[in-house]
Protein backbone atom coordinates (compact mmCIF):
# COMPACT_ATOMS: atom_id res chain seq x y z
CA MET A 1 0.00 0.00 0.00
CA ALA A 2 1.56 3.29 -1.11
CA SER A 3 0.13 5.51 1.65
CA LYS A 4 -2.08 5.23 4.70
CA LYS A 5 -3.33 8.76 4.16
CA ALA A 6 -6.31 9.62 2.03
CA LYS A 7 -5.96 12.25 -0.68
CA ILE A 8 -8.25 15.13 0.26
CA GLY A 9 -9.17 17.35 -2.67
CA ILE A 10 -10.08 20.82 -1.41
CA PHE A 11 -11.29 23.99 -3.06
CA GLY A 12 -12.63 27.25 -1.74
CA ILE A 13 -15.37 29.19 -3.47
CA GLY A 14 -16.18 32.83 -4.07
CA LEU A 15 -17.69 35.08 -6.73
CA ALA A 16 -15.26 36.76 -9.15
CA ALA A 17 -17.59 39.77 -9.42
CA TYR A 18 -16.85 40.64 -5.77
CA TRP A 19 -13.07 41.07 -6.09
CA PRO A 20 -12.95 44.46 -7.87
CA GLN A 21 -15.85 45.67 -5.73
CA PHE A 22 -14.38 44.88 -2.31
CA GLU A 23 -10.66 45.38 -1.92
CA GLY A 24 -8.89 42.69 0.13
CA LEU A 25 -11.86 40.30 0.24
CA LYS A 26 -10.26 37.65 -2.00
CA ALA A 27 -6.96 37.66 -0.08
CA ARG A 28 -8.86 37.37 3.19
CA LEU A 29 -10.82 34.35 1.98
CA GLU A 30 -7.64 32.73 0.63
CA LYS A 31 -6.09 33.10 4.10
CA TYR A 32 -9.12 31.40 5.65
CA GLN A 33 -8.78 28.54 3.18
CA GLN A 34 -5.07 28.18 3.94
CA ASP A 35 -5.92 27.86 7.62
CA VAL A 36 -8.53 25.16 6.81
CA GLU A 37 -5.97 23.25 4.75
CA LYS A 38 -3.34 23.51 7.49
CA HIS A 39 -5.77 22.16 10.08
CA ILE A 40 -6.80 19.26 7.84
CA THR A 41 -3.14 18.38 7.25
CA GLU A 42 -2.71 18.26 11.03
CA LEU A 43 -5.65 15.85 11.12
CA ASP A 44 -3.62 13.44 8.96
CA GLY A 45 -5.04 14.32 5.57
CA GLU A 46 -2.93 14.63 2.39
CA ILE A 47 -4.13 17.84 0.69
CA VAL A 48 -4.65 18.29 -3.04
CA SER A 49 -5.64 21.95 -3.28
CA ALA A 50 -7.34 23.64 -6.23
CA GLY A 51 -7.17 26.99 -4.48
CA LEU A 52 -9.99 29.51 -4.54
CA VAL A 53 -12.47 28.77 -7.36
CA ASP A 54 -14.54 31.78 -8.49
CA THR A 55 -15.73 30.90 -12.04
CA ALA A 56 -17.29 27.91 -13.80
CA PRO A 57 -14.16 27.29 -15.94
CA GLY A 58 -12.10 27.37 -12.76
CA ALA A 59 -14.41 24.75 -11.26
CA GLN A 60 -13.90 22.53 -14.29
CA GLN A 61 -10.13 22.81 -13.85
CA ALA A 62 -10.49 21.89 -10.17
CA GLY A 63 -12.57 18.87 -11.16
CA ASP A 64 -9.89 17.77 -13.63
CA LEU A 65 -7.26 18.09 -10.89
CA PHE A 66 -9.24 15.95 -8.45
CA ALA A 67 -9.87 13.29 -11.10
CA ARG A 68 -6.21 13.27 -12.12
CA GLU A 69 -5.08 12.92 -8.50
CA ASN A 70 -7.72 10.27 -7.76
CA VAL A 71 -8.75 11.93 -4.49
CA ASP A 72 -10.72 9.98 -1.88
CA LEU A 73 -12.73 12.90 -0.50
CA ILE A 74 -13.52 16.36 -1.90
CA ILE A 75 -13.94 19.26 0.50
CA CYS A 76 -15.74 22.40 -0.63
CA TYR A 77 -14.85 25.25 1.73
CA VAL A 78 -17.52 27.93 1.48
CA GLY A 79 -15.88 31.25 2.23
CA THR A 80 -18.56 33.51 0.82
CA TYR A 81 -21.45 33.40 -1.63
CA ALA A 82 -20.88 31.69 -5.00
CA THR A 83 -23.34 30.45 -7.57
CA SER A 84 -23.84 26.69 -7.66
CA SER A 85 -23.01 26.60 -11.39
CA GLN A 86 -19.41 27.43 -10.55
CA VAL A 87 -19.25 24.78 -7.82
CA LEU A 88 -20.84 21.67 -9.33
CA PRO A 89 -18.20 21.07 -12.06
CA ALA A 90 -15.50 20.77 -9.38
CA VAL A 91 -17.10 17.62 -7.96
CA GLN A 92 -18.45 15.98 -11.10
CA ARG A 93 -15.20 14.72 -12.66
CA ARG A 94 -14.10 12.51 -9.75
CA LYS A 95 -16.98 10.52 -8.26
CA ALA A 96 -15.83 10.92 -4.67
CA PRO A 97 -17.87 11.82 -1.57
CA VAL A 98 -18.10 15.58 -0.93
CA LEU A 99 -17.93 17.45 2.36
CA ILE A 100 -19.25 21.03 2.39
CA LEU A 101 -17.59 23.14 5.08
CA ASN A 102 -19.75 26.02 6.30
CA LEU A 103 -17.29 27.54 8.77
CA SER A 104 -17.78 31.09 9.99
CA PRO A 105 -14.62 33.00 10.91
CA VAL A 106 -16.38 34.73 13.83
CA ALA A 107 -19.09 33.70 16.28
CA ALA A 108 -21.21 36.75 15.43
CA MET A 109 -20.86 39.90 13.36
CA ASP A 110 -20.69 43.35 14.91
CA TYR A 111 -23.97 44.32 13.26
CA ARG A 112 -23.83 48.06 13.90
CA ASN A 113 -20.35 48.36 12.44
CA THR A 114 -20.41 45.75 9.63
CA ASP A 115 -20.44 47.00 6.06
CA THR A 116 -21.18 44.97 2.93
CA GLY A 117 -17.58 43.85 2.40
CA GLU A 118 -17.31 42.60 5.98
CA TRP A 119 -20.69 40.87 5.68
CA LEU A 120 -19.53 39.04 2.52
CA ALA A 121 -16.52 37.73 4.46
CA ASN A 122 -18.97 36.09 6.88
CA VAL A 123 -21.80 34.97 4.60
CA SER A 124 -20.84 31.33 3.98
CA ALA A 125 -24.27 30.02 5.09
CA CYS A 126 -25.98 31.85 2.22
CA SER A 127 -24.92 29.52 -0.59
CA VAL A 128 -24.86 26.20 1.29
CA PRO A 129 -28.53 25.37 0.63
CA GLU A 130 -28.15 26.28 -3.06
CA ILE A 131 -25.04 24.11 -3.43
CA SER A 132 -26.74 21.25 -1.59
CA ASN A 133 -29.69 21.46 -3.97
CA ALA A 134 -27.41 21.26 -7.01
CA PHE A 135 -25.51 18.28 -5.56
CA ALA A 136 -28.69 16.44 -4.61
CA ARG A 137 -30.26 16.88 -8.03
CA SER A 138 -27.00 15.77 -9.64
CA ARG A 139 -26.81 12.65 -7.42
CA ILE A 140 -23.59 13.80 -5.80
CA ALA A 141 -23.08 12.18 -2.36
CA PHE A 142 -22.43 15.02 0.08
CA HIS A 143 -22.54 16.07 3.73
CA VAL A 144 -22.45 19.46 5.44
CA VAL A 145 -20.48 20.51 8.51
CA THR A 146 -21.42 23.87 10.02
CA GLY A 147 -19.60 25.67 12.78
CA LEU A 148 -16.70 27.99 13.52
CA LEU A 149 -13.42 28.24 11.66
CA TYR A 150 -11.55 29.49 14.75
CA PRO A 151 -11.96 28.97 18.51
CA ALA A 152 -14.31 31.40 20.27
CA GLU A 153 -15.01 32.58 23.79
CA GLY A 154 -17.62 31.01 26.04
CA HIS A 155 -20.75 29.29 24.77
CA ALA A 156 -19.91 29.77 21.09
CA ASN A 157 -16.78 27.63 21.26
CA ARG A 158 -18.89 24.48 21.21
CA TYR A 159 -19.57 25.23 17.53
CA TYR A 160 -15.83 25.16 16.89
CA ASP A 161 -15.37 21.91 18.83
CA ARG A 162 -18.38 20.29 17.14
CA ALA A 163 -17.32 21.23 13.62
CA TRP A 164 -13.70 20.19 13.89
CA SER A 165 -14.46 16.94 15.71
CA GLN A 166 -16.81 16.09 12.80
CA ILE A 167 -14.17 17.06 10.24
CA ALA A 168 -11.60 14.93 12.08
CA GLU A 169 -13.94 11.93 11.87
CA TRP A 170 -14.45 12.52 8.14
CA ILE A 171 -10.69 12.61 7.57
CA GLN A 172 -10.19 9.40 9.58
CA ALA A 173 -13.02 7.71 7.68
CA ALA A 174 -11.45 8.82 4.41
CA ASN A 175 -8.13 7.32 5.50
CA VAL A 176 -9.88 4.00 6.24
CA LEU A 177 -11.64 4.17 2.86
CA HIS A 178 -8.33 4.78 1.12
CA GLN A 179 -6.62 1.87 2.90
CA LEU A 180 -9.57 -0.42 2.23
CA ASN A 181 -9.56 0.48 -1.48
CA TYR A 182 -5.89 -0.48 -1.74
CA SER A 183 -5.92 -3.48 0.64
CA ARG A 184 -5.13 -7.11 -0.10
CA PHE A 185 -6.78 -9.90 1.87
CA GLY A 186 -5.61 -13.49 1.74
CA PHE A 187 -8.25 -16.23 1.74
CA LEU A 188 -6.44 -19.34 2.97
CA GLY A 189 -8.33 -22.62 2.60
CA HIS A 190 -12.12 -22.47 2.65
CA THR A 191 -15.14 -21.43 4.73
CA TYR A 192 -16.26 -23.65 7.60
CA PRO A 193 -18.72 -26.03 5.91
CA GLY A 194 -22.39 -25.34 6.52
CA MET A 195 -22.17 -21.84 7.96
CA LEU A 196 -24.45 -20.22 5.39
CA ASP A 197 -24.13 -16.74 6.93
CA MET A 198 -20.41 -16.68 6.17
CA TYR A 199 -20.48 -17.71 2.53
CA SER A 200 -19.75 -14.69 0.39
CA ASP A 201 -19.02 -13.68 -3.17
CA LEU A 202 -15.38 -12.68 -3.56
CA THR A 203 -16.18 -10.52 -6.59
CA MET A 204 -18.65 -8.57 -4.41
CA HIS A 205 -15.77 -7.49 -2.17
CA HIS A 206 -13.72 -6.33 -5.14
CA ALA A 207 -16.71 -4.45 -6.57
CA GLN A 208 -18.09 -2.78 -3.43
CA LEU A 209 -14.94 -2.16 -1.40
CA GLY A 210 -12.21 -1.88 -4.03
CA THR A 211 -10.18 -4.43 -2.10
CA HIS A 212 -8.30 -7.39 -3.60
CA ILE A 213 -8.89 -10.96 -2.44
CA GLU A 214 -5.92 -13.27 -2.95
CA VAL A 215 -7.03 -16.92 -2.93
CA LEU A 216 -4.36 -19.05 -1.23
CA GLU A 217 -3.74 -22.76 -0.72
CA MET A 218 -2.41 -24.43 2.42
CA ASP A 219 0.52 -25.42 0.22
CA ASP A 220 1.42 -21.70 0.01
CA LEU A 221 1.92 -21.65 3.77
CA GLN A 222 3.50 -25.08 4.03
CA SER A 223 6.14 -24.30 1.42
CA ARG A 224 7.27 -21.25 3.41
CA MET A 225 8.05 -23.34 6.49
CA LYS A 226 10.62 -25.63 4.94
CA SER A 227 13.71 -23.47 5.46
CA ILE A 228 12.97 -22.11 8.95
CA SER A 229 16.00 -22.36 11.20
CA ALA A 230 16.25 -23.26 14.89
CA VAL A 231 17.54 -19.76 15.61
CA GLU A 232 14.46 -18.19 13.99
CA ILE A 233 12.20 -20.42 16.06
CA GLU A 234 14.05 -19.48 19.24
CA HIS A 235 13.63 -15.77 18.47
CA LYS A 236 9.92 -16.25 17.79
CA ILE A 237 9.43 -18.14 21.05
CA ASN A 238 11.13 -15.32 22.92
CA GLU A 239 8.74 -12.88 21.22
CA ILE A 240 5.74 -15.00 22.20
CA LYS A 241 6.86 -15.33 25.83
CA ALA A 242 7.40 -11.55 26.05
CA ILE A 243 3.75 -10.97 25.12
CA PHE A 244 1.81 -13.88 26.67
CA ASP A 245 1.49 -15.50 30.06
CA ILE A 246 1.50 -19.28 29.95
CA ALA A 247 -1.44 -20.99 31.70
CA GLU A 248 -1.14 -24.14 33.75
CA GLN A 249 -3.68 -26.89 33.20
CA GLY A 250 -7.12 -25.41 33.87
CA ARG A 251 -10.53 -26.52 35.14
CA ASP A 252 -11.90 -27.36 31.70
CA LYS A 253 -11.42 -30.99 30.73
CA LEU A 254 -10.01 -29.86 27.38
CA SER A 255 -7.33 -27.77 29.08
CA MET A 256 -3.77 -29.07 29.13
CA PRO A 257 -0.29 -27.63 29.75
CA VAL A 258 1.52 -25.79 26.98
CA THR A 259 4.19 -28.25 25.96
CA ASP A 260 7.60 -27.40 24.52
CA ALA A 261 6.67 -29.23 21.33
CA ALA A 262 3.46 -27.24 20.93
CA MET A 263 5.34 -23.98 21.53
CA GLN A 264 7.97 -24.93 18.94
CA TRP A 265 5.28 -25.75 16.39
CA SER A 266 3.26 -22.58 17.01
CA ALA A 267 6.43 -20.51 16.65
CA LYS A 268 7.37 -22.23 13.40
CA VAL A 269 3.88 -21.75 11.94
CA SER A 270 4.00 -18.09 13.04
CA ILE A 271 7.19 -17.57 11.07
CA GLY A 272 5.56 -19.22 8.06
CA LEU A 273 2.60 -16.84 8.39
CA ASP A 274 4.97 -13.86 8.53
CA ARG A 275 6.55 -15.00 5.27
CA LEU A 276 3.18 -15.65 3.65
CA VAL A 277 1.95 -12.15 4.54
CA SER A 278 5.16 -10.59 3.28
CA ASP A 279 5.32 -12.54 0.03
CA PHE A 280 1.72 -11.81 -0.92
CA ASP A 281 1.72 -8.26 0.55
CA LEU A 282 -1.36 -9.00 2.64
CA ASN A 283 -3.25 -6.55 4.87
CA GLY A 284 -5.56 -9.22 6.31
CA LEU A 285 -5.97 -12.97 6.36
CA THR A 286 -9.12 -15.11 6.37
CA TYR A 287 -8.44 -18.79 6.94
CA TYR A 288 -9.83 -22.23 7.73
CA TYR A 289 -8.92 -25.76 6.66
CA ARG A 290 -10.61 -28.83 8.02
CA GLY A 291 -7.85 -31.40 7.47
CA LEU A 292 -8.29 -35.12 7.73
CA ASP A 293 -7.10 -37.92 10.05
CA GLY A 294 -4.16 -35.95 11.44
CA ASN A 295 -2.68 -35.16 8.01
CA GLU A 296 -0.15 -32.40 7.45
CA PHE A 297 -2.71 -29.69 6.73
CA GLU A 298 -4.73 -30.57 9.82
CA GLU A 299 -1.56 -30.20 11.89
CA LEU A 300 -0.76 -26.95 10.13
CA GLY A 301 -4.25 -25.55 10.70
CA ALA A 302 -4.06 -26.41 14.37
CA GLY A 303 -0.93 -24.32 14.80
CA LEU A 304 -2.25 -21.04 13.38
CA ILE A 305 -3.73 -19.38 16.44
CA VAL A 306 -0.66 -17.84 18.07
CA GLY A 307 0.85 -16.56 14.83
CA ASN A 308 -2.45 -15.08 13.66
CA SER A 309 -2.89 -13.34 17.02
CA LEU A 310 0.52 -11.74 16.56
CA LEU A 311 -0.43 -10.68 13.02
CA THR A 312 -3.72 -9.19 14.22
CA ALA A 313 -1.96 -7.20 16.95
CA ARG A 314 0.34 -5.59 14.39
CA GLY A 315 -2.49 -4.50 12.10
CA ILE A 316 -2.96 -7.56 9.86
CA PRO A 317 -6.28 -8.92 11.15
CA ALA A 318 -6.83 -12.67 10.92
CA SER A 319 -10.31 -14.22 11.03
CA GLY A 320 -10.96 -17.89 11.47
CA GLU A 321 -13.56 -20.20 9.91
CA GLY A 322 -13.16 -18.53 6.53
CA ASP A 323 -15.28 -15.51 7.49
CA LEU A 324 -14.10 -12.90 4.99
CA LYS A 325 -16.82 -10.37 5.78
CA THR A 326 -15.82 -10.22 9.45
CA ASN A 327 -12.18 -9.95 8.43
CA ILE A 328 -13.14 -6.75 6.59
CA ALA A 329 -14.92 -5.49 9.73
CA MET A 330 -11.83 -6.26 11.80
CA PHE A 331 -9.67 -4.33 9.32
CA ILE A 332 -11.99 -1.31 9.57
CA MET A 333 -11.92 -1.35 13.36
CA ASP A 334 -8.15 -1.71 13.41
CA ARG A 335 -7.72 1.25 11.06
CA LEU A 336 -9.97 3.28 13.37
CA ASN A 337 -7.36 2.54 16.07
CA ALA A 338 -9.97 0.49 17.93
CA GLY A 339 -8.46 -2.98 17.59
CA GLY A 340 -11.05 -5.36 16.22
CA SER A 341 -11.08 -8.84 17.71
CA TYR A 342 -12.88 -11.80 16.13
CA THR A 343 -16.01 -12.27 18.22
CA GLU A 344 -19.40 -14.01 18.48
CA PHE A 345 -22.16 -14.30 21.07
CA TYR A 346 -21.12 -16.66 23.87
CA GLY A 347 -23.99 -16.27 26.32
CA LEU A 348 -26.56 -13.96 27.89
CA ASP A 349 -26.43 -13.15 31.61
CA PHE A 350 -29.92 -12.23 32.85
CA ASN A 351 -28.81 -11.74 36.45
CA GLU A 352 -26.34 -8.93 35.74
CA ASP A 353 -27.70 -7.91 32.32
CA PHE A 354 -24.65 -8.36 30.11
CA VAL A 355 -23.73 -10.26 26.96
CA LEU A 356 -20.74 -12.60 27.01
CA MET A 357 -18.88 -12.37 23.68
CA GLY A 358 -15.67 -13.96 22.43
CA HIS A 359 -14.26 -16.64 20.12
CA ASP A 360 -11.78 -19.44 19.89
CA GLY A 361 -8.66 -18.88 17.81
CA PRO A 362 -6.79 -15.60 17.34
CA GLY A 363 -7.71 -12.34 19.03
CA HIS A 364 -6.52 -8.75 18.90
CA ILE A 365 -4.09 -9.03 21.78
CA ALA A 366 -3.19 -5.34 21.54
CA ILE A 367 -6.55 -4.53 23.19
CA SER A 368 -6.29 -7.15 25.92
CA GLU A 369 -7.17 -6.26 29.53
CA GLY A 370 -3.84 -7.27 31.04
CA ARG A 371 -1.51 -9.77 29.46
CA PRO A 372 -3.11 -12.35 27.17
CA ILE A 373 -2.79 -16.03 28.10
CA LEU A 374 -1.71 -19.06 26.12
CA ARG A 375 -3.62 -22.22 27.07
CA GLY A 376 -3.07 -25.71 25.79
CA LEU A 377 -6.18 -27.50 24.52
CA GLY A 378 -6.57 -31.23 24.00
CA LEU A 379 -8.90 -30.50 21.11
CA TYR A 380 -10.47 -27.51 19.38
CA HIS A 381 -14.22 -27.81 19.84
CA GLY A 382 -16.01 -28.31 16.54
CA LYS A 383 -12.71 -28.49 14.66
CA ARG A 384 -9.96 -31.00 14.03
CA GLY A 385 -6.63 -30.89 15.81
CA TYR A 386 -5.28 -29.64 19.14
CA GLY A 387 -2.60 -27.30 20.39
CA ILE A 388 -2.23 -23.80 21.82
CA SER A 389 -5.04 -21.27 22.01
CA VAL A 390 -5.34 -17.67 23.19
CA GLU A 391 -7.41 -16.39 26.12
CA PHE A 392 -8.06 -12.79 27.24
CA LYS A 393 -10.68 -10.12 27.94
CA VAL A 394 -10.99 -6.90 25.97
CA LYS A 395 -9.97 -3.77 27.89
CA TYR A 396 -12.55 -2.45 30.32
CA GLY A 397 -14.40 0.67 29.22
CA PRO A 398 -16.22 1.84 26.09
CA ILE A 399 -16.41 -0.66 23.21
CA THR A 400 -17.96 -0.95 19.75
CA ILE A 401 -18.94 -4.08 17.86
CA LEU A 402 -19.07 -3.97 14.06
CA GLY A 403 -20.57 -6.69 11.92
CA MET A 404 -20.40 -7.04 8.15
CA THR A 405 -23.10 -9.08 6.46
CA GLN A 406 -24.62 -9.60 3.01
CA THR A 407 -28.18 -8.80 2.01
CA ALA A 408 -30.47 -10.87 -0.21
CA ASP A 409 -29.76 -8.56 -3.16
CA GLY A 410 -25.99 -9.07 -2.88
CA ARG A 411 -25.03 -5.88 -1.06
CA LEU A 412 -22.65 -5.70 1.84
CA LYS A 413 -24.23 -4.24 4.97
CA MET A 414 -22.73 -3.00 8.24
CA ILE A 415 -24.26 -3.45 11.70
CA ALA A 416 -22.86 -1.70 14.79
CA ALA A 417 -23.50 -1.05 18.44
CA GLU A 418 -21.70 0.74 21.25
CA GLY A 419 -21.43 -0.52 24.81
CA GLU A 420 -19.01 -1.14 27.66
CA SER A 421 -16.61 -3.92 28.62
CA ILE A 422 -17.09 -4.59 32.32
CA PRO A 423 -15.09 -6.56 34.94
CA GLY A 424 -16.13 -9.95 36.16
CA ASP A 425 -15.57 -13.67 35.73
CA THR A 426 -15.42 -15.12 32.23
CA LEU A 427 -14.86 -18.59 30.82
CA GLN A 428 -11.36 -20.08 31.13
CA VAL A 429 -11.56 -22.34 28.11
CA GLY A 430 -8.73 -21.04 25.96
CA ASN A 431 -10.93 -18.51 24.16
CA THR A 432 -11.24 -14.74 24.15
CA ASN A 433 -14.38 -13.72 26.03
CA SER A 434 -15.58 -10.47 27.59
CA ARG A 435 -18.56 -9.17 29.52
CA LEU A 436 -20.23 -6.53 27.36
CA ARG A 437 -23.10 -4.31 28.47
CA PHE A 438 -25.22 -2.38 25.96
CA SER A 439 -27.91 0.26 26.42
CA LEU A 440 -30.56 -2.38 25.71
CA ASP A 441 -31.01 -5.39 27.99
CA PRO A 442 -29.48 -8.63 26.68
CA ALA A 443 -32.77 -10.04 25.37
CA GLU A 444 -33.80 -6.88 23.52
CA PHE A 445 -30.28 -6.36 22.20
CA ILE A 446 -29.88 -9.76 20.59
CA ASP A 447 -33.45 -9.58 19.23
CA GLN A 448 -32.70 -6.29 17.48
CA TRP A 449 -29.21 -7.33 16.34
CA SER A 450 -30.52 -10.60 14.88
CA MET A 451 -33.33 -8.84 13.00
CA GLN A 452 -30.70 -7.11 10.86
CA GLY A 453 -29.66 -10.43 9.27
CA PRO A 454 -26.09 -10.42 10.63
CA THR A 455 -23.21 -12.76 10.14
CA HIS A 456 -22.88 -14.49 13.54
CA HIS A 457 -19.36 -13.10 13.98
CA CYS A 458 -18.39 -9.46 14.40
CA ALA A 459 -15.35 -7.31 15.21
CA LEU A 460 -15.02 -6.12 18.80
CA GLY A 461 -13.02 -2.95 19.35
CA ILE A 462 -12.36 -0.40 22.06
CA GLY A 463 -13.86 3.09 22.26
CA HIS A 464 -17.11 4.41 20.85
CA GLN A 465 -16.64 4.44 17.08
CA ILE A 466 -20.12 4.74 15.54
CA GLY A 467 -19.70 8.38 14.50
CA LYS A 468 -16.73 7.38 12.32
CA ILE A 469 -18.40 4.18 11.13
CA LYS A 470 -21.44 6.15 9.95
CA LYS A 471 -19.18 8.37 7.85
CA LEU A 472 -17.28 5.42 6.39
CA ALA A 473 -20.52 3.63 5.53
CA SER A 474 -21.73 6.74 3.74
CA MET A 475 -18.48 7.00 1.77
CA LEU A 476 -18.70 3.32 0.82
CA ASP A 477 -22.39 3.67 -0.04
CA LEU A 478 -23.20 0.75 2.28
CA GLU A 479 -26.23 0.35 4.48
CA LEU A 480 -25.49 0.70 8.22
CA ALA A 481 -27.84 -0.45 10.96
CA VAL A 482 -27.05 0.88 14.44
CA ILE A 483 -28.52 -0.90 17.45
CA TYR A 484 -29.27 1.57 20.25
């Protein structure tokens, strides 16, 4: 991936007829736009500026620039009044989402002492409805952010905070969009047989997300493990021990000690995964392989959990059971700096009103509450093989779950909810699992979540992220259902 930053095309607008009438007005508006661009750069956006556009031909040139630069988001900064005919061409060439910034330089005008020129330097709100009408009728996807360009005193400063927090979320969503458009996901093996919710059309992901799906064989992984040295394995084991605590044999009858042989094998498979990801330039990995009668691929599949947890923690999310859609959701949550651990519903607690959620296999250990644990398992329930698994809770505090599903008409759809990770006992069965409390009681929550036709897995991340997810869903033109 060339860059993690989105390209943000930006242009300011004004009316050329004003410049000879009001000395200094154009320069003043250009300074405002420069301040907007500087602030957006500080928010981690890569600016492609068309400057101040004040004529229809100038708007066409701006549109050509944005198309040539393949921008991910176009920002129209409204400095003063401009006719919509000289704005629309700037956003028609490149079919990117548009953000209209209606940012006043002052909280209020000094009405008694404001002349026409000063008024025109503060009249951005005048043309926003007109521009919005032109965009809507032209089927241009757009949003409006209104507020203050600069901080203000007292009550009015909330309009500055509100506007720039919204702009920051749009920039972060654009960065995720950009990374998703240029991402490469490996699909290793096949989907867990019979899970109809997880079957998906690979072409659909290419078409609707712009991502690339690289179909891989277990042979691709196996071949990369042939030349691994004892020294490499030792280094990987040291890395694993620096991150994880090692559990003794637990209460569960499946629990067993972590043996030296199992640690050696998990480390070797982890090195193979590192090579696989590097060779195919992967940004995510979806995997599952059933194996048969203890054959080589069954043994290989059983050793994936530790290595895939390490990959997930460093920003290459790995989802088990061949669930590609949830792998995409995990990627989105990770790029929102929220983590994104592979998760499903584990149980409902009607005494304390929480939902227990987790999964076997890899987790996003970077968002673990305390050090994650390695636990030996005598078998993987519902799967072939045995070996080392990962156990932890997600950090206490605000959380968001994000699901990615597919509708009957072949569209991807996002489902999200915000809640809280709370302390308390969880299962010690070699799986990730956390107590999550939502605004709805457990029964009402799962009723409403299920009615959206979800995939039974989702991505669990830290922090409340729905504001950003809403913006990303809009930019992707995907349906988003939020469970409140």
